[in-house]
């Protein structure tokens, strides 16, 4: 039998109890077993793994292997508990629908993937999608009116848990006849007073402010414009020569337009699943775990300084740049599948 076959939840439970209680004796009281049983189980766990988890010369201090084991053990026990709660709720028909919000700037391809994963993990559980500006859906998470939301970052505050699902480069869009199009990358100084920020000023003020900070950091002054998130209108204005604009790397462009990176920077637009860490919907955390595992496997994510506040976990992919029309059609609304 392999090590995996011997690594039982019972051993993990005893290990975590010793760490949290501080001694074998205190752990035995918590577990309602004899102290010798705790000692035997910990020794069995160390024998199975062939590592020492506790530095017994210094009381009950964890070794490096023990510290790693503690993170795994807590996560595994929590996942097990949530799985049991979810299965019991499904059996008792008491599992609540997942209330999922999303903002207008989230790409349709990502929403489709998220919806597909949920239907696969919990095929008989309803999802209730809700669209709104970023600040609106974030406020509804904080007031427990939504379980989670998919939004573009950043968001204000550090009280929510973030799982970055998608990170896509931001490039400068210009006419293919523009002199700058002859270069593989453009300098920040060449964009001064010529590039406009259209998309976030009204619908995502935090992202707009962050873009201004990014521009200021490299000495770029933006060209004034009226805010809009209509991509076709933005591209038309670029094509007419009124300005440059930032575009996602995968965005489909009008004929006559091209994109170029900016020298010396690596700007991205990040999309994350946001939730309260204390949310009590057990199905949510099974869904989050499966979703983030899928995105880890689908592609590597750039390890750059995150453009977000909060507790950030990156899981993702560089991908979709589709229009956001009819986002809500990607979900089955009010149709609990039998």
C-alpha atoms as a PDB file:
ATOM      1  CA  UNK A   1       0.000   0.000   0.000  1.00  0.00           C
ATOM      2  CA  UNK A   2       1.170   3.527  -0.761  1.00  0.00           C
ATOM      3  CA  UNK A   3       1.597   6.366   1.721  1.00  0.00           C
ATOM      4  CA  UNK A   4      -1.648   7.856   0.385  1.00  0.00           C
ATOM      5  CA  UNK A   5      -3.549   4.777   1.543  1.00  0.00           C
ATOM      6  CA  UNK A   6      -2.306   5.233   5.113  1.00  0.00           C
ATOM      7  CA  UNK A   7      -2.818   9.007   5.393  1.00  0.00           C
ATOM      8  CA  UNK A   8      -6.214   8.903   7.050  1.00  0.00           C
ATOM      9  CA  UNK A   9      -8.317  11.848   8.171  1.00  0.00           C
ATOM     10  CA  UNK A  10      -8.174  10.480  11.714  1.00  0.00           C
ATOM     11  CA  UNK A  11      -4.396  10.966  11.793  1.00  0.00           C
ATOM     12  CA  UNK A  12      -4.743  14.504  10.473  1.00  0.00           C
ATOM     13  CA  UNK A  13      -7.359  15.253  13.123  1.00  0.00           C
ATOM     14  CA  UNK A  14      -5.066  14.055  15.924  1.00  0.00           C
ATOM     15  CA  UNK A  15      -2.141  16.033  14.539  1.00  0.00           C
ATOM     16  CA  UNK A  16      -4.098  19.303  14.349  1.00  0.00           C
ATOM     17  CA  UNK A  17      -5.483  18.730  17.844  1.00  0.00           C
ATOM     18  CA  UNK A  18      -1.975  18.410  19.311  1.00  0.00           C
ATOM     19  CA  UNK A  19      -0.804  21.578  17.575  1.00  0.00           C
ATOM     20  CA  UNK A  20      -3.829  23.593  18.680  1.00  0.00           C
ATOM     21  CA  UNK A  21      -3.990  22.206  22.226  1.00  0.00           C
ATOM     22  CA  UNK A  22      -0.253  22.477  22.812  1.00  0.00           C
ATOM     23  CA  UNK A  23       0.368  19.062  24.388  1.00  0.00           C
ATOM     24  CA  UNK A  24      -0.582  15.435  23.877  1.00  0.00           C
ATOM     25  CA  UNK A  25      -2.450  15.481  27.175  1.00  0.00           C
ATOM     26  CA  UNK A  26      -4.535  18.543  26.278  1.00  0.00           C
ATOM     27  CA  UNK A  27      -5.221  17.097  22.836  1.00  0.00           C
ATOM     28  CA  UNK A  28      -6.422  13.856  24.421  1.00  0.00           C
ATOM     29  CA  UNK A  29      -8.903  15.794  26.541  1.00  0.00           C
ATOM     30  CA  UNK A  30     -10.207  17.588  23.456  1.00  0.00           C
ATOM     31  CA  UNK A  31     -10.526  14.344  21.504  1.00  0.00           C
ATOM     32  CA  UNK A  32     -11.975  12.375  24.447  1.00  0.00           C
ATOM     33  CA  UNK A  33      -9.356   9.658  24.180  1.00  0.00           C
ATOM     34  CA  UNK A  34      -6.436   8.471  26.277  1.00  0.00           C
ATOM     35  CA  UNK A  35      -3.159  10.356  26.063  1.00  0.00           C
ATOM     36  CA  UNK A  36      -1.426   7.170  24.929  1.00  0.00           C
ATOM     37  CA  UNK A  37      -3.808   6.957  21.957  1.00  0.00           C
ATOM     38  CA  UNK A  38      -2.789  10.434  20.812  1.00  0.00           C
ATOM     39  CA  UNK A  39       0.913   9.615  21.145  1.00  0.00           C
ATOM     40  CA  UNK A  40       0.429   6.388  19.214  1.00  0.00           C
ATOM     41  CA  UNK A  41      -1.437   8.113  16.368  1.00  0.00           C
ATOM     42  CA  UNK A  42       1.148  10.892  16.016  1.00  0.00           C
ATOM     43  CA  UNK A  43       3.950   8.346  15.937  1.00  0.00           C
ATOM     44  CA  UNK A  44       2.014   6.362  13.332  1.00  0.00           C
ATOM     45  CA  UNK A  45       1.611   9.492  11.215  1.00  0.00           C
ATOM     46  CA  UNK A  46       5.337  10.236  11.389  1.00  0.00           C
ATOM     47  CA  UNK A  47       6.141   6.632  10.509  1.00  0.00           C
ATOM     48  CA  UNK A  48       3.792   6.704   7.508  1.00  0.00           C
ATOM     49  CA  UNK A  49       5.358   9.905   6.194  1.00  0.00           C
ATOM     50  CA  UNK A  50       8.885   8.989   7.309  1.00  0.00           C
ATOM     51  CA  UNK A  51       9.391  12.506   8.698  1.00  0.00           C
ATOM     52  CA  UNK A  52       9.501  14.102  12.140  1.00  0.00           C
ATOM     53  CA  UNK A  53       6.622  16.550  12.633  1.00  0.00           C
ATOM     54  CA  UNK A  54       7.463  17.759  16.148  1.00  0.00           C
ATOM     55  CA  UNK A  55      10.791  18.905  17.555  1.00  0.00           C
ATOM     56  CA  UNK A  56      10.525  17.011  20.835  1.00  0.00           C
ATOM     57  CA  UNK A  57      13.699  18.582  22.205  1.00  0.00           C
ATOM     58  CA  UNK A  58      11.817  21.898  22.275  1.00  0.00           C
ATOM     59  CA  UNK A  59       8.458  20.822  23.635  1.00  0.00           C
ATOM     60  CA  UNK A  60       5.875  20.565  20.894  1.00  0.00           C
ATOM     61  CA  UNK A  61       7.421  22.947  18.374  1.00  0.00           C
ATOM     62  CA  UNK A  62       6.760  22.009  14.755  1.00  0.00           C
ATOM     63  CA  UNK A  63       9.545  21.103  12.394  1.00  0.00           C
ATOM     64  CA  UNK A  64       9.621  22.532   8.863  1.00  0.00           C
ATOM     65  CA  UNK A  65       7.803  19.403   7.700  1.00  0.00           C
ATOM     66  CA  UNK A  66       5.297  19.831  10.514  1.00  0.00           C
ATOM     67  CA  UNK A  67       4.484  23.402   9.513  1.00  0.00           C
ATOM     68  CA  UNK A  68       3.810  22.302   5.949  1.00  0.00           C
ATOM     69  CA  UNK A  69       1.760  19.382   7.225  1.00  0.00           C
ATOM     70  CA  UNK A  70      -0.343  21.681   9.400  1.00  0.00           C
ATOM     71  CA  UNK A  71      -1.472  23.759   6.417  1.00  0.00           C
ATOM     72  CA  UNK A  72      -2.375  20.631   4.468  1.00  0.00           C
ATOM     73  CA  UNK A  73      -4.125  18.976   7.408  1.00  0.00           C
ATOM     74  CA  UNK A  74      -6.307  21.975   8.237  1.00  0.00           C
ATOM     75  CA  UNK A  75      -7.272  22.447   4.605  1.00  0.00           C
ATOM     76  CA  UNK A  76      -8.087  18.759   4.126  1.00  0.00           C
ATOM     77  CA  UNK A  77     -10.180  18.539   7.284  1.00  0.00           C
ATOM     78  CA  UNK A  78     -12.073  21.692   6.374  1.00  0.00           C
ATOM     79  CA  UNK A  79     -12.765  20.409   2.850  1.00  0.00           C
ATOM     80  CA  UNK A  80     -13.973  17.106   4.304  1.00  0.00           C
ATOM     81  CA  UNK A  81     -16.315  18.904   6.689  1.00  0.00           C
ATOM     82  CA  UNK A  82     -17.748  21.074   3.921  1.00  0.00           C
ATOM     83  CA  UNK A  83     -18.228  18.074   1.653  1.00  0.00           C
ATOM     84  CA  UNK A  84     -20.220  16.320   4.375  1.00  0.00           C
ATOM     85  CA  UNK A  85     -22.296  19.447   5.016  1.00  0.00           C
ATOM     86  CA  UNK A  86     -22.970  19.882   1.300  1.00  0.00           C
ATOM     87  CA  UNK A  87     -24.009  16.262   0.790  1.00  0.00           C
ATOM     88  CA  UNK A  88     -26.288  16.386   3.815  1.00  0.00           C
ATOM     89  CA  UNK A  89     -27.845  19.638   2.605  1.00  0.00           C
ATOM     90  CA  UNK A  90     -28.436  18.172  -0.863  1.00  0.00           C
ATOM     91  CA  UNK A  91     -30.020  15.074   0.667  1.00  0.00           C
ATOM     92  CA  UNK A  92     -32.269  17.196   2.904  1.00  0.00           C
ATOM     93  CA  UNK A  93     -33.079  19.628   0.055  1.00  0.00           C
ATOM     94  CA  UNK A  94     -31.821  22.522   2.200  1.00  0.00           C
ATOM     95  CA  UNK A  95     -28.832  23.616   0.111  1.00  0.00           C
ATOM     96  CA  UNK A  96     -29.275  27.272  -0.748  1.00  0.00           C
ATOM     97  CA  UNK A  97     -28.707  28.561  -4.317  1.00  0.00           C
ATOM     98  CA  UNK A  98     -25.351  30.168  -4.986  1.00  0.00           C
ATOM     99  CA  UNK A  99     -25.849  33.928  -5.255  1.00  0.00           C
ATOM    100  CA  UNK A 100     -23.151  35.018  -7.690  1.00  0.00           C
ATOM    101  CA  UNK A 101     -22.563  38.605  -8.783  1.00  0.00           C
ATOM    102  CA  UNK A 102     -20.442  39.864 -11.650  1.00  0.00           C
ATOM    103  CA  UNK A 103     -19.395  43.237 -13.015  1.00  0.00           C
ATOM    104  CA  UNK A 104     -19.754  44.520 -16.608  1.00  0.00           C
ATOM    105  CA  UNK A 105     -16.041  44.223 -17.397  1.00  0.00           C
ATOM    106  CA  UNK A 106     -15.803  40.482 -16.785  1.00  0.00           C
ATOM    107  CA  UNK A 107     -15.311  38.629 -20.060  1.00  0.00           C
ATOM    108  CA  UNK A 108     -18.008  36.296 -21.369  1.00  0.00           C
ATOM    109  CA  UNK A 109     -15.562  33.433 -21.834  1.00  0.00           C
ATOM    110  CA  UNK A 110     -14.648  33.490 -18.157  1.00  0.00           C
ATOM    111  CA  UNK A 111     -18.294  33.656 -17.061  1.00  0.00           C
ATOM    112  CA  UNK A 112     -19.086  30.680 -19.266  1.00  0.00           C
ATOM    113  CA  UNK A 113     -16.241  28.668 -17.707  1.00  0.00           C
ATOM    114  CA  UNK A 114     -17.342  29.539 -14.174  1.00  0.00           C
ATOM    115  CA  UNK A 115     -20.947  28.577 -14.909  1.00  0.00           C
ATOM    116  CA  UNK A 116     -19.870  25.289 -16.498  1.00  0.00           C
ATOM    117  CA  UNK A 117     -17.727  24.330 -13.498  1.00  0.00           C
ATOM    118  CA  UNK A 118     -20.578  25.029 -11.074  1.00  0.00           C
ATOM    119  CA  UNK A 119     -23.024  22.919 -13.085  1.00  0.00           C
ATOM    120  CA  UNK A 120     -20.491  20.094 -13.187  1.00  0.00           C
ATOM    121  CA  UNK A 121     -19.653  20.191  -9.466  1.00  0.00           C
ATOM    122  CA  UNK A 122     -23.217  20.759  -8.231  1.00  0.00           C
ATOM    123  CA  UNK A 123     -25.502  19.762 -11.128  1.00  0.00           C
ATOM    124  CA  UNK A 124     -28.746  19.894  -9.140  1.00  0.00           C
ATOM    125  CA  UNK A 125     -28.036  23.132  -7.278  1.00  0.00           C
ATOM    126  CA  UNK A 126     -29.320  26.444  -8.547  1.00  0.00           C
ATOM    127  CA  UNK A 127     -27.181  29.484  -9.285  1.00  0.00           C
ATOM    128  CA  UNK A 128     -28.684  32.957  -8.969  1.00  0.00           C
ATOM    129  CA  UNK A 129     -26.569  35.397 -11.050  1.00  0.00           C
ATOM    130  CA  UNK A 130     -26.737  39.142 -10.565  1.00  0.00           C
ATOM    131  CA  UNK A 131     -25.008  41.881 -12.553  1.00  0.00           C
ATOM    132  CA  UNK A 132     -23.965  45.285 -11.260  1.00  0.00           C
ATOM    133  CA  UNK A 133     -21.154  47.814 -11.090  1.00  0.00           C
ATOM    134  CA  UNK A 134     -18.145  46.626  -9.119  1.00  0.00           C
ATOM    135  CA  UNK A 135     -18.829  48.697  -6.005  1.00  0.00           C
ATOM    136  CA  UNK A 136     -22.440  47.510  -5.954  1.00  0.00           C
ATOM    137  CA  UNK A 137     -21.684  43.798  -6.056  1.00  0.00           C
ATOM    138  CA  UNK A 138     -18.856  44.162  -3.532  1.00  0.00           C
ATOM    139  CA  UNK A 139     -21.196  45.963  -1.122  1.00  0.00           C
ATOM    140  CA  UNK A 140     -23.718  43.148  -1.532  1.00  0.00           C
ATOM    141  CA  UNK A 141     -21.053  40.599  -0.603  1.00  0.00           C
ATOM    142  CA  UNK A 142     -20.177  42.564   2.517  1.00  0.00           C
ATOM    143  CA  UNK A 143     -23.849  42.709   3.546  1.00  0.00           C
ATOM    144  CA  UNK A 144     -24.286  38.977   2.815  1.00  0.00           C
ATOM    145  CA  UNK A 145     -26.735  39.561  -0.039  1.00  0.00           C
ATOM    146  CA  UNK A 146     -24.364  37.767  -2.418  1.00  0.00           C
ATOM    147  CA  UNK A 147     -22.199  34.726  -1.720  1.00  0.00           C
ATOM    148  CA  UNK A 148     -19.468  35.693  -4.171  1.00  0.00           C
ATOM    149  CA  UNK A 149     -18.760  37.854  -7.200  1.00  0.00           C
ATOM    150  CA  UNK A 150     -16.496  37.871 -10.230  1.00  0.00           C
ATOM    151  CA  UNK A 151     -15.035  41.339 -10.700  1.00  0.00           C
ATOM    152  CA  UNK A 152     -12.103  43.129 -12.222  1.00  0.00           C
ATOM    153  CA  UNK A 153      -9.595  44.392  -9.674  1.00  0.00           C
ATOM    154  CA  UNK A 154      -8.767  46.377  -7.638  1.00  0.00           C
ATOM    155  CA  UNK A 155     -11.406  46.641  -4.941  1.00  0.00           C
ATOM    156  CA  UNK A 156     -11.294  48.788  -1.818  1.00  0.00           C
ATOM    157  CA  UNK A 157     -10.539  47.270   1.573  1.00  0.00           C
ATOM    158  CA  UNK A 158      -8.771  44.140   2.755  1.00  0.00           C
ATOM    159  CA  UNK A 159     -11.667  42.307   4.409  1.00  0.00           C
ATOM    160  CA  UNK A 160     -12.558  40.007   1.508  1.00  0.00           C
ATOM    161  CA  UNK A 161     -10.878  36.918   0.118  1.00  0.00           C
ATOM    162  CA  UNK A 162      -9.759  37.151  -3.509  1.00  0.00           C
ATOM    163  CA  UNK A 163      -8.967  34.324  -5.918  1.00  0.00           C
ATOM    164  CA  UNK A 164      -7.430  35.693  -9.126  1.00  0.00           C
ATOM    165  CA  UNK A 165      -8.806  33.661 -12.032  1.00  0.00           C
ATOM    166  CA  UNK A 166      -7.603  35.584 -15.049  1.00  0.00           C
ATOM    167  CA  UNK A 167      -4.727  37.966 -15.699  1.00  0.00           C
ATOM    168  CA  UNK A 168      -4.467  39.488 -19.157  1.00  0.00           C
ATOM    169  CA  UNK A 169      -1.861  41.955 -20.453  1.00  0.00           C
ATOM    170  CA  UNK A 170      -2.915  45.527 -21.237  1.00  0.00           C
ATOM    171  CA  UNK A 171      -1.520  46.916 -24.491  1.00  0.00           C
ATOM    172  CA  UNK A 172      -1.755  50.245 -26.306  1.00  0.00           C
ATOM    173  CA  UNK A 173      -4.188  50.277 -29.234  1.00  0.00           C
ATOM    174  CA  UNK A 174      -3.341  52.449 -32.254  1.00  0.00           C
ATOM    175  CA  UNK A 175      -3.806  52.695 -36.021  1.00  0.00           C
ATOM    176  CA  UNK A 176      -1.587  50.404 -38.051  1.00  0.00           C
ATOM    177  CA  UNK A 177      -0.406  53.468 -39.987  1.00  0.00           C
ATOM    178  CA  UNK A 178       0.651  55.307 -36.829  1.00  0.00           C
ATOM    179  CA  UNK A 179       4.426  55.943 -36.666  1.00  0.00           C
ATOM    180  CA  UNK A 180       4.546  54.126 -33.306  1.00  0.00           C
ATOM    181  CA  UNK A 181       3.175  50.974 -34.950  1.00  0.00           C
ATOM    182  CA  UNK A 182       6.546  50.506 -36.628  1.00  0.00           C
ATOM    183  CA  UNK A 183       8.066  49.614 -33.246  1.00  0.00           C
ATOM    184  CA  UNK A 184       7.675  46.380 -31.272  1.00  0.00           C
ATOM    185  CA  UNK A 185       7.025  48.424 -28.118  1.00  0.00           C
ATOM    186  CA  UNK A 186       6.334  52.085 -27.388  1.00  0.00           C
ATOM    187  CA  UNK A 187       7.943  54.341 -24.800  1.00  0.00           C
ATOM    188  CA  UNK A 188       5.842  56.000 -22.084  1.00  0.00           C
ATOM    189  CA  UNK A 189       6.901  59.461 -23.234  1.00  0.00           C
ATOM    190  CA  UNK A 190       5.463  58.836 -26.713  1.00  0.00           C
ATOM    191  CA  UNK A 191       1.998  58.397 -25.151  1.00  0.00           C
ATOM    192  CA  UNK A 192       1.992  61.586 -23.110  1.00  0.00           C
ATOM    193  CA  UNK A 193      -1.238  63.585 -23.634  1.00  0.00           C
ATOM    194  CA  UNK A 194      -2.251  61.130 -26.374  1.00  0.00           C
ATOM    195  CA  UNK A 195      -3.743  58.149 -24.508  1.00  0.00           C
ATOM    196  CA  UNK A 196      -7.211  58.178 -22.953  1.00  0.00           C
ATOM    197  CA  UNK A 197      -8.836  56.072 -20.234  1.00  0.00           C
ATOM    198  CA  UNK A 198     -12.424  55.325 -21.246  1.00  0.00           C
ATOM    199  CA  UNK A 199     -13.718  52.338 -19.409  1.00  0.00           C
ATOM    200  CA  UNK A 200     -13.585  52.618 -15.648  1.00  0.00           C
ATOM    201  CA  UNK A 201     -14.186  56.194 -14.557  1.00  0.00           C
ATOM    202  CA  UNK A 202     -17.908  55.746 -13.897  1.00  0.00           C
ATOM    203  CA  UNK A 203     -18.429  52.023 -13.456  1.00  0.00           C
ATOM    204  CA  UNK A 204     -15.209  51.147 -11.599  1.00  0.00           C
ATOM    205  CA  UNK A 205     -13.674  54.225  -9.914  1.00  0.00           C
ATOM    206  CA  UNK A 206     -11.017  52.186  -8.065  1.00  0.00           C
ATOM    207  CA  UNK A 207      -9.669  50.731 -11.317  1.00  0.00           C
ATOM    208  CA  UNK A 208      -9.700  54.163 -12.942  1.00  0.00           C
ATOM    209  CA  UNK A 209      -7.663  55.565 -10.047  1.00  0.00           C
ATOM    210  CA  UNK A 210      -5.244  52.646 -10.262  1.00  0.00           C
ATOM    211  CA  UNK A 211      -4.720  53.238 -13.982  1.00  0.00           C
ATOM    212  CA  UNK A 212      -3.957  56.886 -13.294  1.00  0.00           C
ATOM    213  CA  UNK A 213      -1.386  55.797 -10.707  1.00  0.00           C
ATOM    214  CA  UNK A 214       0.217  53.453 -13.234  1.00  0.00           C
ATOM    215  CA  UNK A 215       0.405  56.202 -15.836  1.00  0.00           C
ATOM    216  CA  UNK A 216       1.748  58.749 -13.356  1.00  0.00           C
ATOM    217  CA  UNK A 217       4.459  56.313 -12.236  1.00  0.00           C
ATOM    218  CA  UNK A 218       5.941  56.308 -15.759  1.00  0.00           C
ATOM    219  CA  UNK A 219       5.308  59.991 -16.474  1.00  0.00           C
ATOM    220  CA  UNK A 220       2.234  59.687 -18.708  1.00  0.00           C
ATOM    221  CA  UNK A 221      -0.440  62.397 -18.648  1.00  0.00           C
ATOM    222  CA  UNK A 222      -3.757  61.189 -20.060  1.00  0.00           C
ATOM    223  CA  UNK A 223      -5.810  62.868 -22.756  1.00  0.00           C
ATOM    224  CA  UNK A 224      -9.281  63.894 -21.461  1.00  0.00           C
ATOM    225  CA  UNK A 225     -12.262  61.931 -22.771  1.00  0.00           C
ATOM    226  CA  UNK A 226     -15.861  61.049 -22.019  1.00  0.00           C
ATOM    227  CA  UNK A 227     -16.099  57.683 -20.215  1.00  0.00           C
ATOM    228  CA  UNK A 228     -17.665  54.722 -22.013  1.00  0.00           C
ATOM    229  CA  UNK A 229     -17.314  50.944 -21.929  1.00  0.00           C
ATOM    230  CA  UNK A 230     -18.518  50.445 -25.511  1.00  0.00           C
ATOM    231  CA  UNK A 231     -15.450  48.807 -27.038  1.00  0.00           C
ATOM    232  CA  UNK A 232     -16.546  49.475 -30.616  1.00  0.00           C
ATOM    233  CA  UNK A 233     -16.871  53.193 -29.907  1.00  0.00           C
ATOM    234  CA  UNK A 234     -13.456  53.268 -28.248  1.00  0.00           C
ATOM    235  CA  UNK A 235     -11.830  51.481 -31.174  1.00  0.00           C
ATOM    236  CA  UNK A 236     -13.595  53.794 -33.627  1.00  0.00           C
ATOM    237  CA  UNK A 237     -12.129  56.840 -31.849  1.00  0.00           C
ATOM    238  CA  UNK A 238      -8.671  55.287 -31.986  1.00  0.00           C
ATOM    239  CA  UNK A 239      -9.127  54.442 -35.660  1.00  0.00           C
ATOM    240  CA  UNK A 240     -10.170  58.031 -36.394  1.00  0.00           C
ATOM    241  CA  UNK A 241      -6.918  59.208 -34.837  1.00  0.00           C
ATOM    242  CA  UNK A 242      -8.416  60.981 -31.814  1.00  0.00           C
ATOM    243  CA  UNK A 243      -6.285  59.140 -29.242  1.00  0.00           C
ATOM    244  CA  UNK A 244      -4.611  55.922 -28.149  1.00  0.00           C
ATOM    245  CA  UNK A 245      -6.300  53.552 -25.696  1.00  0.00           C
ATOM    246  CA  UNK A 246      -5.457  50.515 -23.589  1.00  0.00           C
ATOM    247  CA  UNK A 247      -6.850  47.179 -24.785  1.00  0.00           C
ATOM    248  CA  UNK A 248      -6.745  43.625 -23.478  1.00  0.00           C
ATOM    249  CA  UNK A 249      -4.160  41.586 -25.348  1.00  0.00           C
ATOM    250  CA  UNK A 250      -6.764  39.153 -26.686  1.00  0.00           C
ATOM    251  CA  UNK A 251      -9.347  41.717 -27.742  1.00  0.00           C
ATOM    252  CA  UNK A 252     -10.576  41.426 -31.333  1.00  0.00           C
ATOM    253  CA  UNK A 253      -9.628  44.632 -33.139  1.00  0.00           C
ATOM    254  CA  UNK A 254     -11.206  46.514 -36.019  1.00  0.00           C
ATOM    255  CA  UNK A 255      -9.398  46.361 -39.318  1.00  0.00           C
ATOM    256  CA  UNK A 256      -6.636  48.925 -39.351  1.00  0.00           C
ATOM    257  CA  UNK A 257      -5.834  48.725 -35.626  1.00  0.00           C
ATOM    258  CA  UNK A 258      -2.893  47.088 -33.845  1.00  0.00           C
ATOM    259  CA  UNK A 259      -1.619  46.866 -30.266  1.00  0.00           C
ATOM    260  CA  UNK A 260       1.828  47.378 -28.786  1.00  0.00           C
ATOM    261  CA  UNK A 261       3.249  46.881 -25.267  1.00  0.00           C
ATOM    262  CA  UNK A 262       4.751  49.757 -23.300  1.00  0.00           C
ATOM    263  CA  UNK A 263       8.497  49.667 -22.695  1.00  0.00           C
ATOM    264  CA  UNK A 264       9.501  48.969 -19.103  1.00  0.00           C
ATOM    265  CA  UNK A 265       6.096  47.981 -17.710  1.00  0.00           C
ATOM    266  CA  UNK A 266       3.995  44.837 -17.531  1.00  0.00           C
ATOM    267  CA  UNK A 267       0.451  46.057 -17.017  1.00  0.00           C
ATOM    268  CA  UNK A 268      -2.359  43.541 -16.646  1.00  0.00           C
ATOM    269  CA  UNK A 269      -6.081  43.529 -16.009  1.00  0.00           C
ATOM    270  CA  UNK A 270      -6.919  41.037 -13.279  1.00  0.00           C
ATOM    271  CA  UNK A 271     -10.261  39.312 -12.718  1.00  0.00           C
ATOM    272  CA  UNK A 272     -10.998  37.605  -9.407  1.00  0.00           C
ATOM    273  CA  UNK A 273     -13.614  35.640  -7.537  1.00  0.00           C
ATOM    274  CA  UNK A 274     -14.378  37.610  -4.363  1.00  0.00           C
ATOM    275  CA  UNK A 275     -16.088  36.290  -1.244  1.00  0.00           C
ATOM    276  CA  UNK A 276     -16.352  36.679   2.503  1.00  0.00           C
ATOM    277  CA  UNK A 277     -14.134  34.223   4.350  1.00  0.00           C
ATOM    278  CA  UNK A 278     -16.921  33.623   6.881  1.00  0.00           C
ATOM    279  CA  UNK A 279     -19.574  32.708   4.309  1.00  0.00           C
ATOM    280  CA  UNK A 280     -21.502  29.701   5.631  1.00  0.00           C
ATOM    281  CA  UNK A 281     -22.694  28.244   2.326  1.00  0.00           C
ATOM    282  CA  UNK A 282     -20.762  24.921   2.264  1.00  0.00           C
ATOM    283  CA  UNK A 283     -21.267  24.470  -1.473  1.00  0.00           C
ATOM    284  CA  UNK A 284     -19.476  27.761  -2.152  1.00  0.00           C
ATOM    285  CA  UNK A 285     -16.160  26.494  -0.863  1.00  0.00           C
ATOM    286  CA  UNK A 286     -16.332  23.222  -2.760  1.00  0.00           C
ATOM    287  CA  UNK A 287     -17.060  25.262  -5.870  1.00  0.00           C
ATOM    288  CA  UNK A 288     -14.194  27.685  -5.162  1.00  0.00           C
ATOM    289  CA  UNK A 289     -11.752  24.845  -4.595  1.00  0.00           C
ATOM    290  CA  UNK A 290     -12.710  23.104  -7.829  1.00  0.00           C
ATOM    291  CA  UNK A 291     -12.764  26.361  -9.787  1.00  0.00           C
ATOM    292  CA  UNK A 292      -9.344  27.491  -8.624  1.00  0.00           C
ATOM    293  CA  UNK A 293      -7.866  24.045  -9.241  1.00  0.00           C
ATOM    294  CA  UNK A 294      -9.174  24.149 -12.821  1.00  0.00           C
ATOM    295  CA  UNK A 295      -7.605  27.533 -13.465  1.00  0.00           C
ATOM    296  CA  UNK A 296      -4.268  26.467 -12.005  1.00  0.00           C
ATOM    297  CA  UNK A 297      -4.234  23.539 -14.401  1.00  0.00           C
ATOM    298  CA  UNK A 298      -5.429  25.471 -17.456  1.00  0.00           C
ATOM    299  CA  UNK A 299      -2.534  27.930 -17.684  1.00  0.00           C
ATOM    300  CA  UNK A 300       0.210  29.684 -15.818  1.00  0.00           C
ATOM    301  CA  UNK A 301      -0.465  33.149 -14.415  1.00  0.00           C
ATOM    302  CA  UNK A 302       2.092  35.949 -14.496  1.00  0.00           C
ATOM    303  CA  UNK A 303       3.695  36.406 -11.092  1.00  0.00           C
ATOM    304  CA  UNK A 304       3.520  40.180 -10.961  1.00  0.00           C
ATOM    305  CA  UNK A 305       2.671  42.599  -8.213  1.00  0.00           C
ATOM    306  CA  UNK A 306      -1.121  42.311  -7.867  1.00  0.00           C
ATOM    307  CA  UNK A 307      -3.181  45.364  -8.754  1.00  0.00           C
ATOM    308  CA  UNK A 308      -5.595  44.635  -5.937  1.00  0.00           C
ATOM    309  CA  UNK A 309      -6.195  44.927  -2.243  1.00  0.00           C
ATOM    310  CA  UNK A 310      -7.399  42.145  -0.006  1.00  0.00           C
ATOM    311  CA  UNK A 311      -6.098  38.623   0.474  1.00  0.00           C
ATOM    312  CA  UNK A 312      -5.091  37.641  -3.027  1.00  0.00           C
ATOM    313  CA  UNK A 313      -4.700  34.090  -4.276  1.00  0.00           C
ATOM    314  CA  UNK A 314      -3.736  33.658  -7.925  1.00  0.00           C
ATOM    315  CA  UNK A 315      -5.099  30.654  -9.756  1.00  0.00           C
ATOM    316  CA  UNK A 316      -5.453  31.563 -13.233  1.00  0.00           C
ATOM    317  CA  UNK A 317      -5.155  31.861 -16.858  1.00  0.00           C
ATOM    318  CA  UNK A 318      -4.476  34.458 -19.509  1.00  0.00           C
ATOM    319  CA  UNK A 319      -7.453  34.311 -21.781  1.00  0.00           C
ATOM    320  CA  UNK A 320     -10.763  35.506 -23.077  1.00  0.00           C
ATOM    321  CA  UNK A 321     -11.369  38.894 -24.595  1.00  0.00           C
ATOM    322  CA  UNK A 322     -14.920  38.706 -25.842  1.00  0.00           C
ATOM    323  CA  UNK A 323     -17.679  41.283 -25.750  1.00  0.00           C
ATOM    324  CA  UNK A 324     -19.764  41.466 -22.587  1.00  0.00           C
ATOM    325  CA  UNK A 325     -23.187  41.680 -24.263  1.00  0.00           C
ATOM    326  CA  UNK A 326     -25.828  39.471 -22.659  1.00  0.00           C
ATOM    327  CA  UNK A 327     -23.597  38.187 -19.856  1.00  0.00           C
ATOM    328  CA  UNK A 328     -26.631  36.997 -17.961  1.00  0.00           C
ATOM    329  CA  UNK A 329     -27.501  34.575 -20.791  1.00  0.00           C
ATOM    330  CA  UNK A 330     -24.517  32.467 -19.791  1.00  0.00           C
ATOM    331  CA  UNK A 331     -26.355  31.360 -16.659  1.00  0.00           C
ATOM    332  CA  UNK A 332     -29.503  29.341 -16.162  1.00  0.00           C
ATOM    333  CA  UNK A 333     -31.663  31.783 -14.232  1.00  0.00           C
ATOM    334  CA  UNK A 334     -34.347  30.428 -11.922  1.00  0.00           C
ATOM    335  CA  UNK A 335     -34.215  27.000 -13.532  1.00  0.00           C
ATOM    336  CA  UNK A 336     -33.238  24.400 -10.997  1.00  0.00           C
ATOM    337  CA  UNK A 337     -32.332  21.330 -12.974  1.00  0.00           C
ATOM    338  CA  UNK A 338     -34.072  18.171 -11.878  1.00  0.00           C
END
